[in-house]
Amino acid sequence: MIVVQVKDGENIERALKKFKRKFEKTGVIKELRERQSYTKPSMRRREEKKRAIYKQQLREKSE
């Protein structure tokens, strides 16, 4: 359970922002989206490889 301490006089929007940040760090939404559809392990590896190549190309361009 996520608990956000709200101080007296603290803005409710700020408390909501803290809650959203903590909730995002738990990874619940990410896991839920991953479970909506099955991806084969070979496809997952292929996507990871594509992502790694893209990141490497970006680093090489910046240098």
PDB file of N, CA and C in Angstrom:
ATOM      1  N   MET A   1       0.843  -1.177   0.000  1.00  0.00           N
ATOM      2  CA  MET A   1       0.000   0.000   0.000  1.00  0.00           C
ATOM      3  C   MET A   1       0.886   1.238   0.000  1.00  0.00           C
ATOM      4  N   ILE A   2       0.529   2.201  -0.816  1.00  0.00           N
ATOM      5  CA  ILE A   2       1.303   3.431  -0.939  1.00  0.00           C
ATOM      6  C   ILE A   2       0.754   4.465   0.033  1.00  0.00           C
ATOM      7  N   VAL A   3       1.651   5.046   0.801  1.00  0.00           N
ATOM      8  CA  VAL A   3       1.267   6.063   1.769  1.00  0.00           C
ATOM      9  C   VAL A   3       2.015   7.342   1.438  1.00  0.00           C
ATOM     10  N   VAL A   4       1.280   8.446   1.359  1.00  0.00           N
ATOM     11  CA  VAL A   4       1.878   9.751   1.091  1.00  0.00           C
ATOM     12  C   VAL A   4       1.575  10.650   2.286  1.00  0.00           C
ATOM     13  N   GLN A   5       2.614  11.135   2.912  1.00  0.00           N
ATOM     14  CA  GLN A   5       2.451  12.027   4.052  1.00  0.00           C
ATOM     15  C   GLN A   5       2.137  13.431   3.542  1.00  0.00           C
ATOM     16  N   VAL A   6       1.010  13.989   3.992  1.00  0.00           N
ATOM     17  CA  VAL A   6       0.607  15.334   3.594  1.00  0.00           C
ATOM     18  C   VAL A   6       0.759  16.241   4.806  1.00  0.00           C
ATOM     19  N   LYS A   7       1.556  17.287   4.643  1.00  0.00           N
ATOM     20  CA  LYS A   7       1.775  18.231   5.740  1.00  0.00           C
ATOM     21  C   LYS A   7       0.619  19.226   5.795  1.00  0.00           C
ATOM     22  N   ASP A   8       0.465  19.873   6.933  1.00  0.00           N
ATOM     23  CA  ASP A   8      -0.591  20.876   7.079  1.00  0.00           C
ATOM     24  C   ASP A   8      -0.341  22.019   6.104  1.00  0.00           C
ATOM     25  N   GLY A   9      -1.374  22.364   5.376  1.00  0.00           N
ATOM     26  CA  GLY A   9      -1.265  23.477   4.435  1.00  0.00           C
ATOM     27  C   GLY A   9      -0.615  23.109   3.111  1.00  0.00           C
ATOM     28  N   GLU A  10      -0.252  21.838   2.928  1.00  0.00           N
ATOM     29  CA  GLU A  10       0.388  21.427   1.673  1.00  0.00           C
ATOM     30  C   GLU A  10      -0.673  21.320   0.575  1.00  0.00           C
ATOM     31  N   ASN A  11      -0.295  21.716  -0.601  1.00  0.00           N
ATOM     32  CA  ASN A  11      -1.197  21.705  -1.743  1.00  0.00           C
ATOM     33  C   ASN A  11      -1.572  20.265  -2.094  1.00  0.00           C
ATOM     34  N   ILE A  12      -2.852  20.037  -2.398  1.00  0.00           N
ATOM     35  CA  ILE A  12      -3.327  18.689  -2.710  1.00  0.00           C
ATOM     36  C   ILE A  12      -2.733  18.206  -4.040  1.00  0.00           C
ATOM     37  N   GLU A  13      -2.479  19.127  -4.973  1.00  0.00           N
ATOM     38  CA  GLU A  13      -1.881  18.742  -6.245  1.00  0.00           C
ATOM     39  C   GLU A  13      -0.469  18.186  -6.040  1.00  0.00           C
ATOM     40  N   ARG A  14       0.259  18.770  -5.121  1.00  0.00           N
ATOM     41  CA  ARG A  14       1.615  18.296  -4.826  1.00  0.00           C
ATOM     42  C   ARG A  14       1.571  16.883  -4.226  1.00  0.00           C
ATOM     43  N   ALA A  15       0.614  16.647  -3.340  1.00  0.00           N
ATOM     44  CA  ALA A  15       0.468  15.321  -2.730  1.00  0.00           C
ATOM     45  C   ALA A  15       0.077  14.293  -3.793  1.00  0.00           C
ATOM     46  N   LEU A  16      -0.799  14.688  -4.708  1.00  0.00           N
ATOM     47  CA  LEU A  16      -1.209  13.795  -5.787  1.00  0.00           C
ATOM     48  C   LEU A  16      -0.030  13.472  -6.699  1.00  0.00           C
ATOM     49  N   LYS A  17       0.807  14.461  -6.948  1.00  0.00           N
ATOM     50  CA  LYS A  17       2.004  14.261  -7.774  1.00  0.00           C
ATOM     51  C   LYS A  17       2.958  13.277  -7.107  1.00  0.00           C
ATOM     52  N   LYS A  18       3.132  13.393  -5.786  1.00  0.00           N
ATOM     53  CA  LYS A  18       3.971  12.451  -5.042  1.00  0.00           C
ATOM     54  C   LYS A  18       3.413  11.040  -5.142  1.00  0.00           C
ATOM     55  N   PHE A  19       2.086  10.919  -5.003  1.00  0.00           N
ATOM     56  CA  PHE A  19       1.443   9.617  -5.086  1.00  0.00           C
ATOM     57  C   PHE A  19       1.655   8.990  -6.464  1.00  0.00           C
ATOM     58  N   LYS A  20       1.451   9.774  -7.512  1.00  0.00           N
ATOM     59  CA  LYS A  20       1.626   9.267  -8.871  1.00  0.00           C
ATOM     60  C   LYS A  20       3.048   8.797  -9.107  1.00  0.00           C
ATOM     61  N   ARG A  21       4.023   9.552  -8.609  1.00  0.00           N
ATOM     62  CA  ARG A  21       5.427   9.195  -8.779  1.00  0.00           C
ATOM     63  C   ARG A  21       5.735   7.879  -8.061  1.00  0.00           C
ATOM     64  N   LYS A  22       5.242   7.721  -6.833  1.00  0.00           N
ATOM     65  CA  LYS A  22       5.468   6.484  -6.086  1.00  0.00           C
ATOM     66  C   LYS A  22       4.790   5.302  -6.770  1.00  0.00           C
ATOM     67  N   PHE A  23       3.577   5.538  -7.271  1.00  0.00           N
ATOM     68  CA  PHE A  23       2.829   4.477  -7.935  1.00  0.00           C
ATOM     69  C   PHE A  23       3.535   4.039  -9.218  1.00  0.00           C
ATOM     70  N   GLU A  24       4.082   4.986  -9.953  1.00  0.00           N
ATOM     71  CA  GLU A  24       4.792   4.665 -11.192  1.00  0.00           C
ATOM     72  C   GLU A  24       6.053   3.848 -10.906  1.00  0.00           C
ATOM     73  N   LYS A  25       6.721   4.144  -9.814  1.00  0.00           N
ATOM     74  CA  LYS A  25       7.936   3.409  -9.454  1.00  0.00           C
ATOM     75  C   LYS A  25       7.654   1.955  -9.092  1.00  0.00           C
ATOM     76  N   THR A  26       6.442   1.650  -8.659  1.00  0.00           N
ATOM     77  CA  THR A  26       6.119   0.265  -8.315  1.00  0.00           C
ATOM     78  C   THR A  26       6.075  -0.621  -9.551  1.00  0.00           C
ATOM     79  N   GLY A  27       5.759  -0.048 -10.719  1.00  0.00           N
ATOM     80  CA  GLY A  27       5.757  -0.817 -11.956  1.00  0.00           C
ATOM     81  C   GLY A  27       4.477  -1.594 -12.216  1.00  0.00           C
ATOM     82  N   VAL A  28       3.417  -1.279 -11.513  1.00  0.00           N
ATOM     83  CA  VAL A  28       2.157  -2.008 -11.653  1.00  0.00           C
ATOM     84  C   VAL A  28       1.562  -1.802 -13.048  1.00  0.00           C
ATOM     85  N   ILE A  29       1.533  -0.575 -13.506  1.00  0.00           N
ATOM     86  CA  ILE A  29       0.944  -0.283 -14.817  1.00  0.00           C
ATOM     87  C   ILE A  29       1.753  -0.928 -15.924  1.00  0.00           C
ATOM     88  N   LYS A  30       3.072  -0.869 -15.816  1.00  0.00           N
ATOM     89  CA  LYS A  30       3.938  -1.474 -16.832  1.00  0.00           C
ATOM     90  C   LYS A  30       3.686  -2.982 -16.926  1.00  0.00           C
ATOM     91  N   GLU A  31       3.603  -3.622 -15.773  1.00  0.00           N
ATOM     92  CA  GLU A  31       3.357  -5.062 -15.746  1.00  0.00           C
ATOM     93  C   GLU A  31       1.976  -5.394 -16.310  1.00  0.00           C
ATOM     94  N   LEU A  32       0.986  -4.584 -15.994  1.00  0.00           N
ATOM     95  CA  LEU A  32      -0.359  -4.810 -16.496  1.00  0.00           C
ATOM     96  C   LEU A  32      -0.386  -4.734 -18.022  1.00  0.00           C
ATOM     97  N   ARG A  33       0.290  -3.759 -18.591  1.00  0.00           N
ATOM     98  CA  ARG A  33       0.336  -3.614 -20.046  1.00  0.00           C
ATOM     99  C   ARG A  33       1.060  -4.786 -20.692  1.00  0.00           C
ATOM    100  N   GLU A  34       2.121  -5.263 -20.047  1.00  0.00           N
ATOM    101  CA  GLU A  34       2.854  -6.408 -20.588  1.00  0.00           C
ATOM    102  C   GLU A  34       1.996  -7.665 -20.579  1.00  0.00           C
ATOM    103  N   ARG A  35       1.145  -7.820 -19.586  1.00  0.00           N
ATOM    104  CA  ARG A  35       0.322  -9.024 -19.467  1.00  0.00           C
ATOM    105  C   ARG A  35      -0.904  -9.007 -20.378  1.00  0.00           C
ATOM    106  N   GLN A  36      -1.214  -7.875 -20.972  1.00  0.00           N
ATOM    107  CA  GLN A  36      -2.386  -7.803 -21.840  1.00  0.00           C
ATOM    108  C   GLN A  36      -2.216  -8.642 -23.097  1.00  0.00           C
ATOM    109  N   SER A  37      -0.996  -8.746 -23.573  1.00  0.00           N
ATOM    110  CA  SER A  37      -0.758  -9.559 -24.766  1.00  0.00           C
ATOM    111  C   SER A  37       0.538 -10.336 -24.575  1.00  0.00           C
ATOM    112  N   TYR A  38       0.566 -11.546 -25.105  1.00  0.00           N
ATOM    113  CA  TYR A  38       1.743 -12.400 -24.973  1.00  0.00           C
ATOM    114  C   TYR A  38       2.719 -12.091 -26.089  1.00  0.00           C
ATOM    115  N   THR A  39       3.993 -11.920 -25.725  1.00  0.00           N
ATOM    116  CA  THR A  39       5.033 -11.756 -26.735  1.00  0.00           C
ATOM    117  C   THR A  39       6.000 -12.920 -26.588  1.00  0.00           C
ATOM    118  N   LYS A  40       6.309 -13.518 -27.706  1.00  0.00           N
ATOM    119  CA  LYS A  40       7.226 -14.652 -27.683  1.00  0.00           C
ATOM    120  C   LYS A  40       8.607 -14.186 -27.221  1.00  0.00           C
ATOM    121  N   PRO A  41       9.360 -15.064 -26.551  1.00  0.00           N
ATOM    122  CA  PRO A  41      10.691 -14.682 -26.087  1.00  0.00           C
ATOM    123  C   PRO A  41      11.614 -14.249 -27.226  1.00  0.00           C
ATOM    124  N   SER A  42      11.478 -14.873 -28.385  1.00  0.00           N
ATOM    125  CA  SER A  42      12.331 -14.484 -29.521  1.00  0.00           C
ATOM    126  C   SER A  42      12.007 -13.060 -29.968  1.00  0.00           C
ATOM    127  N   MET A  43      10.737 -12.698 -29.950  1.00  0.00           N
ATOM    128  CA  MET A  43      10.345 -11.339 -30.327  1.00  0.00           C
ATOM    129  C   MET A  43      10.823 -10.323 -29.289  1.00  0.00           C
ATOM    130  N   ARG A  44      10.772 -10.721 -28.022  1.00  0.00           N
ATOM    131  CA  ARG A  44      11.239  -9.838 -26.953  1.00  0.00           C
ATOM    132  C   ARG A  44      12.737  -9.566 -27.102  1.00  0.00           C
ATOM    133  N   ARG A  45      13.507 -10.632 -27.384  1.00  0.00           N
ATOM    134  CA  ARG A  45      14.955 -10.455 -27.582  1.00  0.00           C
ATOM    135  C   ARG A  45      15.233  -9.567 -28.796  1.00  0.00           C
ATOM    136  N   ARG A  46      14.464  -9.768 -29.854  1.00  0.00           N
ATOM    137  CA  ARG A  46      14.650  -8.970 -31.068  1.00  0.00           C
ATOM    138  C   ARG A  46      14.400  -7.492 -30.784  1.00  0.00           C
ATOM    139  N   GLU A  47      13.359  -7.182 -30.022  1.00  0.00           N
ATOM    140  CA  GLU A  47      13.055  -5.795 -29.666  1.00  0.00           C
ATOM    141  C   GLU A  47      14.151  -5.191 -28.793  1.00  0.00           C
ATOM    142  N   GLU A  48      14.668  -5.979 -27.845  1.00  0.00           N
ATOM    143  CA  GLU A  48      15.744  -5.490 -26.988  1.00  0.00           C
ATOM    144  C   GLU A  48      16.984  -5.195 -27.800  1.00  0.00           C
ATOM    145  N   LYS A  49      17.278  -6.053 -28.777  1.00  0.00           N
ATOM    146  CA  LYS A  49      18.441  -5.849 -29.624  1.00  0.00           C
ATOM    147  C   LYS A  49      18.277  -4.579 -30.459  1.00  0.00           C
ATOM    148  N   LYS A  50      17.092  -4.359 -31.014  1.00  0.00           N
ATOM    149  CA  LYS A  50      16.811  -3.145 -31.782  1.00  0.00           C
ATOM    150  C   LYS A  50      17.011  -1.904 -30.929  1.00  0.00           C
ATOM    151  N   ARG A  51      16.491  -1.962 -29.695  1.00  0.00           N
ATOM    152  CA  ARG A  51      16.609  -0.828 -28.788  1.00  0.00           C
ATOM    153  C   ARG A  51      18.068  -0.534 -28.460  1.00  0.00           C
ATOM    154  N   ALA A  52      18.854  -1.592 -28.241  1.00  0.00           N
ATOM    155  CA  ALA A  52      20.263  -1.415 -27.911  1.00  0.00           C
ATOM    156  C   ALA A  52      21.020  -0.804 -29.085  1.00  0.00           C
ATOM    157  N   ILE A  53      20.730  -1.258 -30.306  1.00  0.00           N
ATOM    158  CA  ILE A  53      21.387  -0.711 -31.495  1.00  0.00           C
ATOM    159  C   ILE A  53      21.042   0.764 -31.648  1.00  0.00           C
ATOM    160  N   TYR A  54      19.779   1.108 -31.440  1.00  0.00           N
ATOM    161  CA  TYR A  54      19.343   2.502 -31.557  1.00  0.00           C
ATOM    162  C   TYR A  54      20.065   3.390 -30.545  1.00  0.00           C
ATOM    163  N   LYS A  55      20.140   2.930 -29.291  1.00  0.00           N
ATOM    164  CA  LYS A  55      20.815   3.712 -28.256  1.00  0.00           C
ATOM    165  C   LYS A  55      22.293   3.894 -28.575  1.00  0.00           C
ATOM    166  N   GLN A  56      22.925   2.839 -29.086  1.00  0.00           N
ATOM    167  CA  GLN A  56      24.335   2.917 -29.426  1.00  0.00           C
ATOM    168  C   GLN A  56      24.553   3.926 -30.551  1.00  0.00           C
ATOM    169  N   GLN A  57      23.680   3.937 -31.542  1.00  0.00           N
ATOM    170  CA  GLN A  57      23.801   4.898 -32.636  1.00  0.00           C
ATOM    171  C   GLN A  57      23.638   6.325 -32.145  1.00  0.00           C
ATOM    172  N   LEU A  58      22.736   6.537 -31.201  1.00  0.00           N
ATOM    173  CA  LEU A  58      22.567   7.876 -30.642  1.00  0.00           C
ATOM    174  C   LEU A  58      23.823   8.335 -29.905  1.00  0.00           C
ATOM    175  N   ARG A  59      24.424   7.427 -29.151  1.00  0.00           N
ATOM    176  CA  ARG A  59      25.644   7.771 -28.424  1.00  0.00           C
ATOM    177  C   ARG A  59      26.775   8.108 -29.391  1.00  0.00           C
ATOM    178  N   GLU A  60      26.891   7.338 -30.479  1.00  0.00           N
ATOM    179  CA  GLU A  60      27.951   7.591 -31.437  1.00  0.00           C
ATOM    180  C   GLU A  60      27.765   8.924 -32.149  1.00  0.00           C
ATOM    181  N   LYS A  61      26.531   9.314 -32.411  1.00  0.00           N
ATOM    182  CA  LYS A  61      26.267  10.602 -33.050  1.00  0.00           C
ATOM    183  C   LYS A  61      26.637  11.754 -32.140  1.00  0.00           C
ATOM    184  N   SER A  62      26.377  11.610 -30.839  1.00  0.00           N
ATOM    185  CA  SER A  62      26.640  12.701 -29.905  1.00  0.00           C
ATOM    186  C   SER A  62      28.132  12.900 -29.652  1.00  0.00           C
ATOM    187  N   GLU A  63      28.934  11.893 -29.883  1.00  0.00           N
ATOM    188  CA  GLU A  63      30.374  12.006 -29.613  1.00  0.00           C
ATOM    189  C   GLU A  63      31.133  12.600 -30.756  1.00  0.00           C
TER     190      GLU A  63
END
